[in-house]
Amino acid sequence: MSCLKMTGWRVVSELQSVAGRSDVVVATKDGIFIFELKMDKGREFEEVANEGLKQIDANGYAQRFAVAGKTMHKVALVFSSEGKGLLGWKVA
């Protein structure tokens, strides 16, 4: 988070929506990035990543930014529950 904040971008964690809280939202000059962080818990990467992207849509995390006129990027980050770090990401 600190690295992102040093860029001068607006970075907010746990931003409240009507149906929940998005993990991290980053606003740049041209775009909005909504990140959902997930642990794999022994499940396949694709399943977990899709779950994260569906959560962004189901909970309406992007709705509050619709009027901003910026490109919207929904990103699911999947981490290993076995301590192997970031397994990958999927963008919608």
N, C-alpha and C. Protein backbone atom coordinates (compact mmCIF):
# COMPACT_ATOMS: atom_id res chain seq x y z
N MET A 1 0.82 -1.18 0.00
CA MET A 1 0.00 0.00 0.00
C MET A 1 0.87 1.25 0.00
N SER A 2 1.91 1.24 0.81
CA SER A 2 2.77 2.41 0.91
C SER A 2 3.40 2.76 -0.43
N CYS A 3 3.82 1.73 -1.17
CA CYS A 3 4.43 1.97 -2.48
C CYS A 3 3.45 2.65 -3.42
N LEU A 4 2.20 2.21 -3.39
CA LEU A 4 1.19 2.83 -4.25
C LEU A 4 0.93 4.27 -3.84
N LYS A 5 0.90 4.54 -2.55
CA LYS A 5 0.63 5.90 -2.08
C LYS A 5 1.76 6.86 -2.48
N MET A 6 2.99 6.34 -2.55
CA MET A 6 4.13 7.19 -2.91
C MET A 6 4.07 7.65 -4.36
N THR A 7 3.25 7.01 -5.19
CA THR A 7 3.10 7.40 -6.59
C THR A 7 2.30 8.69 -6.74
N GLY A 8 1.59 9.06 -5.68
CA GLY A 8 0.72 10.22 -5.77
C GLY A 8 -0.71 9.86 -6.12
N TRP A 9 -0.95 8.58 -6.39
CA TRP A 9 -2.31 8.12 -6.66
C TRP A 9 -3.11 8.08 -5.38
N ARG A 10 -4.41 8.18 -5.50
CA ARG A 10 -5.28 8.05 -4.33
C ARG A 10 -5.49 6.57 -4.06
N VAL A 11 -5.13 6.12 -2.87
CA VAL A 11 -5.23 4.71 -2.50
C VAL A 11 -6.08 4.60 -1.25
N VAL A 12 -7.13 3.77 -1.33
CA VAL A 12 -8.02 3.59 -0.18
C VAL A 12 -8.21 2.10 0.04
N SER A 13 -8.11 1.66 1.29
CA SER A 13 -8.39 0.26 1.59
C SER A 13 -9.69 0.17 2.38
N GLU A 14 -10.37 -0.96 2.21
CA GLU A 14 -11.63 -1.22 2.91
C GLU A 14 -12.66 -0.12 2.67
N LEU A 15 -12.81 0.27 1.40
CA LEU A 15 -13.78 1.31 1.04
C LEU A 15 -15.18 0.73 1.08
N GLN A 16 -16.03 1.31 1.89
CA GLN A 16 -17.40 0.82 2.14
C GLN A 16 -18.30 1.04 0.93
N SER A 17 -19.07 0.01 0.58
CA SER A 17 -20.14 0.14 -0.40
C SER A 17 -21.42 -0.31 0.30
N VAL A 18 -22.52 -0.28 -0.40
CA VAL A 18 -23.79 -0.70 0.19
C VAL A 18 -23.74 -2.16 0.65
N ALA A 19 -23.06 -3.01 -0.13
CA ALA A 19 -23.08 -4.45 0.13
C ALA A 19 -21.80 -5.01 0.75
N GLY A 20 -20.80 -4.16 1.01
CA GLY A 20 -19.56 -4.66 1.59
C GLY A 20 -18.43 -3.67 1.45
N ARG A 21 -17.21 -4.18 1.57
CA ARG A 21 -16.02 -3.33 1.48
C ARG A 21 -15.05 -3.89 0.45
N SER A 22 -14.61 -3.02 -0.46
CA SER A 22 -13.59 -3.44 -1.42
C SER A 22 -12.25 -3.44 -0.70
N ASP A 23 -11.37 -4.37 -1.08
CA ASP A 23 -10.09 -4.48 -0.38
C ASP A 23 -9.20 -3.26 -0.62
N VAL A 24 -8.96 -2.93 -1.89
CA VAL A 24 -8.12 -1.78 -2.22
C VAL A 24 -8.67 -1.11 -3.48
N VAL A 25 -8.74 0.22 -3.44
CA VAL A 25 -9.12 1.00 -4.62
C VAL A 25 -8.01 2.01 -4.88
N VAL A 26 -7.55 2.04 -6.13
CA VAL A 26 -6.51 3.00 -6.53
C VAL A 26 -7.08 3.86 -7.64
N ALA A 27 -7.02 5.17 -7.45
CA ALA A 27 -7.50 6.12 -8.46
C ALA A 27 -6.30 6.83 -9.07
N THR A 28 -6.15 6.70 -10.38
CA THR A 28 -5.10 7.41 -11.11
C THR A 28 -5.77 8.51 -11.93
N LYS A 29 -4.97 9.23 -12.67
CA LYS A 29 -5.51 10.31 -13.50
C LYS A 29 -6.54 9.79 -14.51
N ASP A 30 -6.28 8.61 -15.06
CA ASP A 30 -7.12 8.09 -16.13
C ASP A 30 -7.98 6.89 -15.76
N GLY A 31 -7.73 6.27 -14.62
CA GLY A 31 -8.46 5.04 -14.32
C GLY A 31 -8.70 4.78 -12.85
N ILE A 32 -9.61 3.86 -12.61
CA ILE A 32 -9.91 3.37 -11.27
C ILE A 32 -9.59 1.88 -11.26
N PHE A 33 -8.81 1.44 -10.29
CA PHE A 33 -8.45 0.04 -10.14
C PHE A 33 -9.07 -0.47 -8.84
N ILE A 34 -9.91 -1.48 -8.95
CA ILE A 34 -10.54 -2.07 -7.78
C ILE A 34 -9.93 -3.47 -7.60
N PHE A 35 -9.25 -3.67 -6.48
CA PHE A 35 -8.56 -4.92 -6.21
C PHE A 35 -9.32 -5.72 -5.15
N GLU A 36 -9.53 -6.99 -5.45
CA GLU A 36 -10.08 -7.93 -4.48
C GLU A 36 -8.98 -8.96 -4.21
N LEU A 37 -8.59 -9.09 -2.95
CA LEU A 37 -7.52 -10.01 -2.56
C LEU A 37 -8.13 -11.29 -2.02
N LYS A 38 -7.66 -12.42 -2.54
CA LYS A 38 -8.20 -13.72 -2.16
C LYS A 38 -7.07 -14.69 -1.84
N MET A 39 -7.35 -15.61 -0.89
CA MET A 39 -6.45 -16.73 -0.59
C MET A 39 -6.96 -17.95 -1.33
N ASP A 40 -6.04 -18.76 -1.85
CA ASP A 40 -6.48 -19.92 -2.64
C ASP A 40 -7.07 -21.04 -1.79
N LYS A 41 -6.61 -21.22 -0.57
CA LYS A 41 -7.11 -22.27 0.34
C LYS A 41 -7.20 -23.62 -0.36
N GLY A 42 -6.19 -23.93 -1.17
CA GLY A 42 -6.12 -25.21 -1.85
C GLY A 42 -6.95 -25.33 -3.11
N ARG A 43 -7.65 -24.25 -3.49
CA ARG A 43 -8.49 -24.27 -4.69
C ARG A 43 -7.69 -23.82 -5.91
N GLU A 44 -8.21 -24.10 -7.08
CA GLU A 44 -7.57 -23.72 -8.33
C GLU A 44 -7.56 -22.20 -8.48
N PHE A 45 -6.47 -21.69 -9.06
CA PHE A 45 -6.32 -20.24 -9.26
C PHE A 45 -7.52 -19.64 -9.97
N GLU A 46 -7.92 -20.24 -11.08
CA GLU A 46 -9.00 -19.70 -11.91
C GLU A 46 -10.31 -19.57 -11.13
N GLU A 47 -10.62 -20.56 -10.32
CA GLU A 47 -11.83 -20.54 -9.50
C GLU A 47 -11.80 -19.38 -8.51
N VAL A 48 -10.68 -19.21 -7.85
CA VAL A 48 -10.55 -18.16 -6.83
C VAL A 48 -10.56 -16.78 -7.48
N ALA A 49 -9.85 -16.62 -8.59
CA ALA A 49 -9.82 -15.34 -9.29
C ALA A 49 -11.21 -14.94 -9.78
N ASN A 50 -11.93 -15.89 -10.35
CA ASN A 50 -13.29 -15.61 -10.82
C ASN A 50 -14.21 -15.23 -9.66
N GLU A 51 -14.03 -15.88 -8.52
CA GLU A 51 -14.80 -15.55 -7.32
C GLU A 51 -14.55 -14.10 -6.91
N GLY A 52 -13.30 -13.68 -6.96
CA GLY A 52 -12.96 -12.30 -6.61
C GLY A 52 -13.59 -11.29 -7.54
N LEU A 53 -13.54 -11.57 -8.84
CA LEU A 53 -14.15 -10.66 -9.82
C LEU A 53 -15.67 -10.61 -9.66
N LYS A 54 -16.27 -11.75 -9.39
CA LYS A 54 -17.72 -11.79 -9.16
C LYS A 54 -18.10 -10.99 -7.92
N GLN A 55 -17.25 -11.05 -6.90
CA GLN A 55 -17.52 -10.30 -5.67
C GLN A 55 -17.52 -8.80 -5.93
N ILE A 56 -16.60 -8.33 -6.75
CA ILE A 56 -16.54 -6.91 -7.10
C ILE A 56 -17.87 -6.48 -7.73
N ASP A 57 -18.37 -7.29 -8.66
CA ASP A 57 -19.63 -6.97 -9.33
C ASP A 57 -20.83 -7.12 -8.40
N ALA A 58 -20.89 -8.24 -7.69
CA ALA A 58 -22.05 -8.54 -6.83
C ALA A 58 -22.23 -7.50 -5.73
N ASN A 59 -21.13 -6.98 -5.22
CA ASN A 59 -21.21 -6.01 -4.12
C ASN A 59 -21.20 -4.56 -4.60
N GLY A 60 -21.18 -4.36 -5.91
CA GLY A 60 -21.29 -3.02 -6.47
C GLY A 60 -20.14 -2.10 -6.14
N TYR A 61 -18.93 -2.65 -5.99
CA TYR A 61 -17.78 -1.81 -5.63
C TYR A 61 -17.50 -0.74 -6.67
N ALA A 62 -17.80 -1.00 -7.94
CA ALA A 62 -17.48 -0.05 -9.00
C ALA A 62 -18.55 1.02 -9.20
N GLN A 63 -19.74 0.80 -8.69
CA GLN A 63 -20.86 1.71 -8.95
C GLN A 63 -20.57 3.15 -8.53
N ARG A 64 -19.94 3.34 -7.41
CA ARG A 64 -19.71 4.71 -6.93
C ARG A 64 -18.78 5.50 -7.83
N PHE A 65 -18.03 4.81 -8.71
CA PHE A 65 -17.08 5.49 -9.59
C PHE A 65 -17.59 5.65 -11.02
N ALA A 66 -18.79 5.20 -11.30
CA ALA A 66 -19.33 5.21 -12.65
C ALA A 66 -19.39 6.61 -13.25
N VAL A 67 -19.63 7.61 -12.45
CA VAL A 67 -19.76 8.98 -12.96
C VAL A 67 -18.41 9.67 -13.14
N ALA A 68 -17.33 9.02 -12.73
CA ALA A 68 -16.00 9.64 -12.80
C ALA A 68 -15.51 9.78 -14.23
N GLY A 69 -16.05 8.98 -15.16
CA GLY A 69 -15.61 9.06 -16.54
C GLY A 69 -14.23 8.46 -16.77
N LYS A 70 -13.78 7.62 -15.86
CA LYS A 70 -12.46 7.00 -15.98
C LYS A 70 -12.62 5.53 -16.36
N THR A 71 -11.58 4.98 -16.91
CA THR A 71 -11.57 3.56 -17.25
C THR A 71 -11.55 2.75 -15.96
N MET A 72 -12.42 1.75 -15.90
CA MET A 72 -12.55 0.91 -14.71
C MET A 72 -11.79 -0.40 -14.92
N HIS A 73 -10.97 -0.76 -13.93
CA HIS A 73 -10.22 -2.01 -13.97
C HIS A 73 -10.54 -2.80 -12.71
N LYS A 74 -11.10 -3.99 -12.89
CA LYS A 74 -11.41 -4.86 -11.76
C LYS A 74 -10.34 -5.94 -11.74
N VAL A 75 -9.68 -6.09 -10.58
CA VAL A 75 -8.53 -7.00 -10.50
C VAL A 75 -8.68 -7.92 -9.29
N ALA A 76 -8.59 -9.22 -9.54
CA ALA A 76 -8.57 -10.20 -8.46
C ALA A 76 -7.12 -10.66 -8.29
N LEU A 77 -6.59 -10.49 -7.09
CA LEU A 77 -5.25 -10.97 -6.76
C LEU A 77 -5.40 -12.24 -5.93
N VAL A 78 -4.71 -13.30 -6.30
CA VAL A 78 -4.83 -14.57 -5.60
C VAL A 78 -3.51 -14.90 -4.93
N PHE A 79 -3.58 -15.14 -3.62
CA PHE A 79 -2.39 -15.45 -2.83
C PHE A 79 -2.44 -16.91 -2.37
N SER A 80 -1.26 -17.47 -2.18
CA SER A 80 -1.14 -18.86 -1.72
C SER A 80 -1.40 -18.94 -0.23
N SER A 81 -2.22 -19.89 0.17
CA SER A 81 -2.45 -20.12 1.60
C SER A 81 -1.30 -20.94 2.21
N GLU A 82 -0.38 -21.40 1.38
CA GLU A 82 0.78 -22.17 1.84
C GLU A 82 2.02 -21.29 1.97
N GLY A 83 1.85 -19.97 1.91
CA GLY A 83 2.96 -19.05 2.09
C GLY A 83 3.84 -18.86 0.87
N LYS A 84 3.33 -19.15 -0.31
CA LYS A 84 4.11 -19.01 -1.54
C LYS A 84 3.92 -17.64 -2.19
N GLY A 85 3.26 -16.73 -1.51
CA GLY A 85 3.08 -15.38 -2.03
C GLY A 85 1.97 -15.27 -3.05
N LEU A 86 2.13 -14.31 -3.94
CA LEU A 86 1.14 -14.02 -4.97
C LEU A 86 1.19 -15.11 -6.04
N LEU A 87 0.05 -15.75 -6.29
CA LEU A 87 -0.02 -16.78 -7.34
C LEU A 87 -0.32 -16.16 -8.70
N GLY A 88 -1.01 -15.03 -8.70
CA GLY A 88 -1.33 -14.38 -9.96
C GLY A 88 -2.51 -13.44 -9.80
N TRP A 89 -2.91 -12.86 -10.93
CA TRP A 89 -4.03 -11.94 -10.93
C TRP A 89 -4.83 -12.11 -12.21
N LYS A 90 -6.08 -11.67 -12.12
CA LYS A 90 -6.97 -11.72 -13.28
C LYS A 90 -7.69 -10.38 -13.35
N VAL A 91 -7.76 -9.82 -14.55
CA VAL A 91 -8.35 -8.50 -14.75
C VAL A 91 -9.62 -8.62 -15.59
N ALA A 92 -10.64 -7.88 -15.20
CA ALA A 92 -11.87 -7.83 -15.98
C ALA A 92 -12.16 -6.40 -16.38
